[in-house]
Amino acid sequence: HEDLIEKKIDDNDFLFSARLSIDYINEKYDLDLPVLDGIETLGGLVIHAFENIPSQGEKISYDDFIFEVQKVDGNKILLVKIHNNRI
């Protein structure tokens, strides 16, 4: 059992485990991340945004957010930093 990371760094920046659900993040942190059919987790959303599995350190701007991949393990995204450009 792994501990999932969820951390508000400041008003615009957050650090989350990629396995957290988008619905949970949106509810708890009022982020309004895009909800797409068939995509449940933050990791899935990031893969959708990149259109592939990104490398550690890669960033992408998507729907008013900047996703920065903080940690990967093989083809699994583990940790993602989100910057909210809406504020």
N, C-alpha and C. Protein backbone atom coordinates (compact mmCIF):
# COMPACT_ATOMS: atom_id res chain seq x y z
N HIS A 1 0.84 -1.19 0.00
CA HIS A 1 0.00 0.00 0.00
C HIS A 1 0.88 1.25 0.00
N GLU A 2 0.69 2.07 -1.00
CA GLU A 2 1.51 3.28 -1.08
C GLU A 2 0.74 4.48 -0.54
N ASP A 3 1.46 5.40 0.04
CA ASP A 3 0.83 6.63 0.51
C ASP A 3 0.70 7.58 -0.67
N LEU A 4 -0.51 8.07 -0.88
CA LEU A 4 -0.73 9.01 -1.97
C LEU A 4 -0.42 10.42 -1.47
N ILE A 5 0.26 11.18 -2.31
CA ILE A 5 0.67 12.53 -1.95
C ILE A 5 -0.34 13.52 -2.48
N GLU A 6 -0.75 14.43 -1.62
CA GLU A 6 -1.59 15.55 -2.04
C GLU A 6 -1.18 16.75 -1.20
N LYS A 7 -0.68 17.77 -1.87
CA LYS A 7 -0.09 18.89 -1.14
C LYS A 7 -0.37 20.19 -1.87
N LYS A 8 -0.91 21.14 -1.15
CA LYS A 8 -1.08 22.49 -1.70
C LYS A 8 0.19 23.26 -1.36
N ILE A 9 0.93 23.66 -2.39
CA ILE A 9 2.18 24.38 -2.18
C ILE A 9 1.89 25.86 -1.91
N ASP A 10 1.05 26.45 -2.75
CA ASP A 10 0.55 27.81 -2.55
C ASP A 10 -0.78 27.91 -3.29
N ASP A 11 -1.31 29.11 -3.47
CA ASP A 11 -2.63 29.26 -4.08
C ASP A 11 -2.71 28.71 -5.51
N ASN A 12 -1.59 28.68 -6.21
CA ASN A 12 -1.60 28.25 -7.62
C ASN A 12 -0.92 26.92 -7.87
N ASP A 13 -0.16 26.40 -6.92
CA ASP A 13 0.67 25.22 -7.16
C ASP A 13 0.33 24.08 -6.21
N PHE A 14 0.25 22.88 -6.79
CA PHE A 14 -0.13 21.69 -6.05
C PHE A 14 0.75 20.53 -6.48
N LEU A 15 0.94 19.57 -5.57
CA LEU A 15 1.70 18.37 -5.87
C LEU A 15 0.81 17.17 -5.54
N PHE A 16 0.59 16.31 -6.54
CA PHE A 16 -0.33 15.19 -6.35
C PHE A 16 0.26 13.89 -6.89
N SER A 17 -0.07 12.79 -6.21
CA SER A 17 0.18 11.47 -6.78
C SER A 17 -0.69 11.32 -8.02
N ALA A 18 -0.13 10.72 -9.04
CA ALA A 18 -0.85 10.56 -10.31
C ALA A 18 -2.05 9.63 -10.17
N ARG A 19 -2.08 8.79 -9.15
CA ARG A 19 -3.18 7.85 -8.96
C ARG A 19 -4.43 8.49 -8.35
N LEU A 20 -4.33 9.72 -7.88
CA LEU A 20 -5.52 10.38 -7.32
C LEU A 20 -6.55 10.62 -8.41
N SER A 21 -7.82 10.51 -8.03
CA SER A 21 -8.87 10.72 -9.03
C SER A 21 -9.08 12.21 -9.28
N ILE A 22 -9.43 12.50 -10.51
CA ILE A 22 -9.70 13.88 -10.90
C ILE A 22 -10.86 14.44 -10.10
N ASP A 23 -11.90 13.63 -9.93
CA ASP A 23 -13.07 14.08 -9.16
C ASP A 23 -12.68 14.46 -7.73
N TYR A 24 -11.84 13.64 -7.10
CA TYR A 24 -11.40 13.91 -5.73
C TYR A 24 -10.61 15.22 -5.66
N ILE A 25 -9.67 15.39 -6.58
CA ILE A 25 -8.86 16.61 -6.59
C ILE A 25 -9.74 17.84 -6.81
N ASN A 26 -10.66 17.75 -7.76
CA ASN A 26 -11.55 18.88 -8.03
C ASN A 26 -12.41 19.23 -6.82
N GLU A 27 -12.93 18.20 -6.15
CA GLU A 27 -13.77 18.43 -4.98
C GLU A 27 -12.98 19.03 -3.82
N LYS A 28 -11.87 18.41 -3.50
CA LYS A 28 -11.11 18.81 -2.30
C LYS A 28 -10.37 20.14 -2.50
N TYR A 29 -9.85 20.37 -3.71
CA TYR A 29 -9.00 21.54 -3.93
C TYR A 29 -9.63 22.58 -4.85
N ASP A 30 -10.88 22.35 -5.26
CA ASP A 30 -11.64 23.30 -6.08
C ASP A 30 -10.84 23.74 -7.31
N LEU A 31 -10.28 22.75 -8.02
CA LEU A 31 -9.39 23.07 -9.14
C LEU A 31 -10.08 23.10 -10.50
N ASP A 32 -11.17 22.38 -10.67
CA ASP A 32 -11.86 22.37 -11.96
C ASP A 32 -10.98 21.81 -13.08
N LEU A 33 -10.24 20.74 -12.76
CA LEU A 33 -9.49 20.02 -13.80
C LEU A 33 -10.49 19.46 -14.80
N PRO A 34 -10.09 19.34 -16.07
CA PRO A 34 -11.02 18.80 -17.08
C PRO A 34 -11.44 17.37 -16.75
N VAL A 35 -12.73 17.11 -16.89
CA VAL A 35 -13.28 15.77 -16.69
C VAL A 35 -13.59 15.21 -18.08
N LEU A 36 -12.89 14.15 -18.45
CA LEU A 36 -13.03 13.56 -19.78
C LEU A 36 -13.50 12.13 -19.68
N ASP A 37 -14.30 11.70 -20.65
CA ASP A 37 -14.80 10.32 -20.67
C ASP A 37 -13.65 9.33 -20.65
N GLY A 38 -13.73 8.36 -19.77
CA GLY A 38 -12.76 7.29 -19.73
C GLY A 38 -11.47 7.62 -19.01
N ILE A 39 -11.34 8.83 -18.49
CA ILE A 39 -10.13 9.21 -17.76
C ILE A 39 -10.50 9.51 -16.31
N GLU A 40 -10.00 8.67 -15.42
CA GLU A 40 -10.38 8.77 -14.01
C GLU A 40 -9.33 9.49 -13.16
N THR A 41 -8.03 9.26 -13.49
CA THR A 41 -6.96 9.71 -12.60
C THR A 41 -6.18 10.88 -13.20
N LEU A 42 -5.43 11.54 -12.33
CA LEU A 42 -4.56 12.62 -12.78
C LEU A 42 -3.53 12.10 -13.77
N GLY A 43 -2.97 10.94 -13.51
CA GLY A 43 -2.00 10.35 -14.44
C GLY A 43 -2.60 10.14 -15.83
N GLY A 44 -3.82 9.66 -15.87
CA GLY A 44 -4.51 9.48 -17.15
C GLY A 44 -4.71 10.79 -17.88
N LEU A 45 -5.06 11.83 -17.14
CA LEU A 45 -5.25 13.16 -17.74
C LEU A 45 -3.93 13.69 -18.30
N VAL A 46 -2.84 13.49 -17.57
CA VAL A 46 -1.53 13.95 -18.02
C VAL A 46 -1.11 13.21 -19.29
N ILE A 47 -1.32 11.89 -19.33
CA ILE A 47 -0.99 11.12 -20.53
C ILE A 47 -1.84 11.60 -21.70
N HIS A 48 -3.11 11.90 -21.45
CA HIS A 48 -3.99 12.44 -22.50
C HIS A 48 -3.46 13.79 -23.01
N ALA A 49 -3.03 14.65 -22.10
CA ALA A 49 -2.53 15.98 -22.48
C ALA A 49 -1.25 15.86 -23.32
N PHE A 50 -0.34 14.98 -22.92
CA PHE A 50 0.93 14.80 -23.63
C PHE A 50 0.78 13.96 -24.89
N GLU A 51 -0.28 13.16 -24.94
CA GLU A 51 -0.51 12.20 -26.02
C GLU A 51 0.54 11.09 -26.05
N ASN A 52 1.24 10.93 -24.93
CA ASN A 52 2.17 9.81 -24.73
C ASN A 52 2.55 9.80 -23.25
N ILE A 53 3.48 8.92 -22.89
CA ILE A 53 3.94 8.90 -21.50
C ILE A 53 5.14 9.82 -21.39
N PRO A 54 5.00 10.91 -20.65
CA PRO A 54 6.08 11.90 -20.57
C PRO A 54 7.24 11.42 -19.70
N SER A 55 8.36 12.06 -19.88
CA SER A 55 9.55 11.80 -19.05
C SER A 55 9.51 12.70 -17.83
N GLN A 56 10.28 12.31 -16.83
CA GLN A 56 10.41 13.12 -15.64
C GLN A 56 10.91 14.51 -16.01
N GLY A 57 10.28 15.54 -15.45
CA GLY A 57 10.69 16.92 -15.71
C GLY A 57 9.96 17.59 -16.87
N GLU A 58 9.24 16.81 -17.67
CA GLU A 58 8.51 17.41 -18.79
C GLU A 58 7.32 18.21 -18.28
N LYS A 59 7.02 19.29 -19.02
CA LYS A 59 5.89 20.16 -18.69
C LYS A 59 5.01 20.31 -19.91
N ILE A 60 3.71 20.52 -19.65
CA ILE A 60 2.79 20.83 -20.74
C ILE A 60 1.70 21.74 -20.20
N SER A 61 1.32 22.69 -21.03
CA SER A 61 0.20 23.56 -20.71
C SER A 61 -1.05 22.94 -21.31
N TYR A 62 -2.09 22.80 -20.49
CA TYR A 62 -3.32 22.15 -20.94
C TYR A 62 -4.51 22.74 -20.19
N ASP A 63 -5.43 23.34 -20.92
CA ASP A 63 -6.69 23.81 -20.35
C ASP A 63 -6.48 24.68 -19.09
N ASP A 64 -5.70 25.72 -19.19
CA ASP A 64 -5.44 26.67 -18.09
C ASP A 64 -4.59 26.11 -16.96
N PHE A 65 -3.98 24.95 -17.16
CA PHE A 65 -3.10 24.36 -16.16
C PHE A 65 -1.75 24.04 -16.80
N ILE A 66 -0.72 24.05 -15.97
CA ILE A 66 0.58 23.53 -16.41
C ILE A 66 0.85 22.28 -15.57
N PHE A 67 1.01 21.15 -16.26
CA PHE A 67 1.35 19.90 -15.60
C PHE A 67 2.84 19.68 -15.75
N GLU A 68 3.51 19.43 -14.62
CA GLU A 68 4.94 19.11 -14.65
C GLU A 68 5.12 17.74 -14.01
N VAL A 69 5.66 16.81 -14.78
CA VAL A 69 5.86 15.46 -14.28
C VAL A 69 7.08 15.46 -13.36
N GLN A 70 6.85 15.16 -12.09
CA GLN A 70 7.91 15.21 -11.08
C GLN A 70 8.63 13.88 -10.91
N LYS A 71 7.88 12.77 -11.10
CA LYS A 71 8.48 11.46 -10.86
C LYS A 71 7.79 10.42 -11.73
N VAL A 72 8.60 9.60 -12.39
CA VAL A 72 8.08 8.48 -13.18
C VAL A 72 8.84 7.21 -12.79
N ASP A 73 8.19 6.08 -13.05
CA ASP A 73 8.82 4.79 -12.82
C ASP A 73 8.49 3.93 -14.03
N GLY A 74 9.44 3.80 -14.94
CA GLY A 74 9.19 3.08 -16.19
C GLY A 74 8.15 3.82 -17.01
N ASN A 75 7.01 3.16 -17.24
CA ASN A 75 5.95 3.82 -18.01
C ASN A 75 4.81 4.29 -17.12
N LYS A 76 5.10 4.48 -15.83
CA LYS A 76 4.08 4.95 -14.89
C LYS A 76 4.44 6.33 -14.37
N ILE A 77 3.49 7.25 -14.46
CA ILE A 77 3.67 8.56 -13.84
C ILE A 77 3.32 8.40 -12.36
N LEU A 78 4.18 8.89 -11.48
CA LEU A 78 3.94 8.76 -10.05
C LEU A 78 3.53 10.07 -9.39
N LEU A 79 4.15 11.17 -9.81
CA LEU A 79 3.96 12.44 -9.12
C LEU A 79 3.88 13.58 -10.12
N VAL A 80 2.89 14.45 -9.92
CA VAL A 80 2.64 15.55 -10.87
C VAL A 80 2.47 16.86 -10.08
N LYS A 81 3.16 17.88 -10.54
CA LYS A 81 2.95 19.22 -10.02
C LYS A 81 2.00 19.95 -10.97
N ILE A 82 1.01 20.60 -10.38
CA ILE A 82 0.03 21.35 -11.18
C ILE A 82 0.15 22.82 -10.84
N HIS A 83 0.24 23.65 -11.88
CA HIS A 83 0.16 25.09 -11.70
C HIS A 83 -1.15 25.55 -12.32
N ASN A 84 -1.95 26.24 -11.53
CA ASN A 84 -3.26 26.72 -11.96
C ASN A 84 -3.11 28.13 -12.52
N ASN A 85 -3.32 28.30 -13.82
CA ASN A 85 -3.21 29.61 -14.47
C ASN A 85 -4.49 30.43 -14.40
N ARG A 86 -5.54 29.89 -13.81
CA ARG A 86 -6.84 30.58 -13.79
C ARG A 86 -6.91 31.69 -12.76
N ILE A 87 -6.04 31.66 -11.77
CA ILE A 87 -6.13 32.65 -10.69
C ILE A 87 -5.36 33.90 -11.07
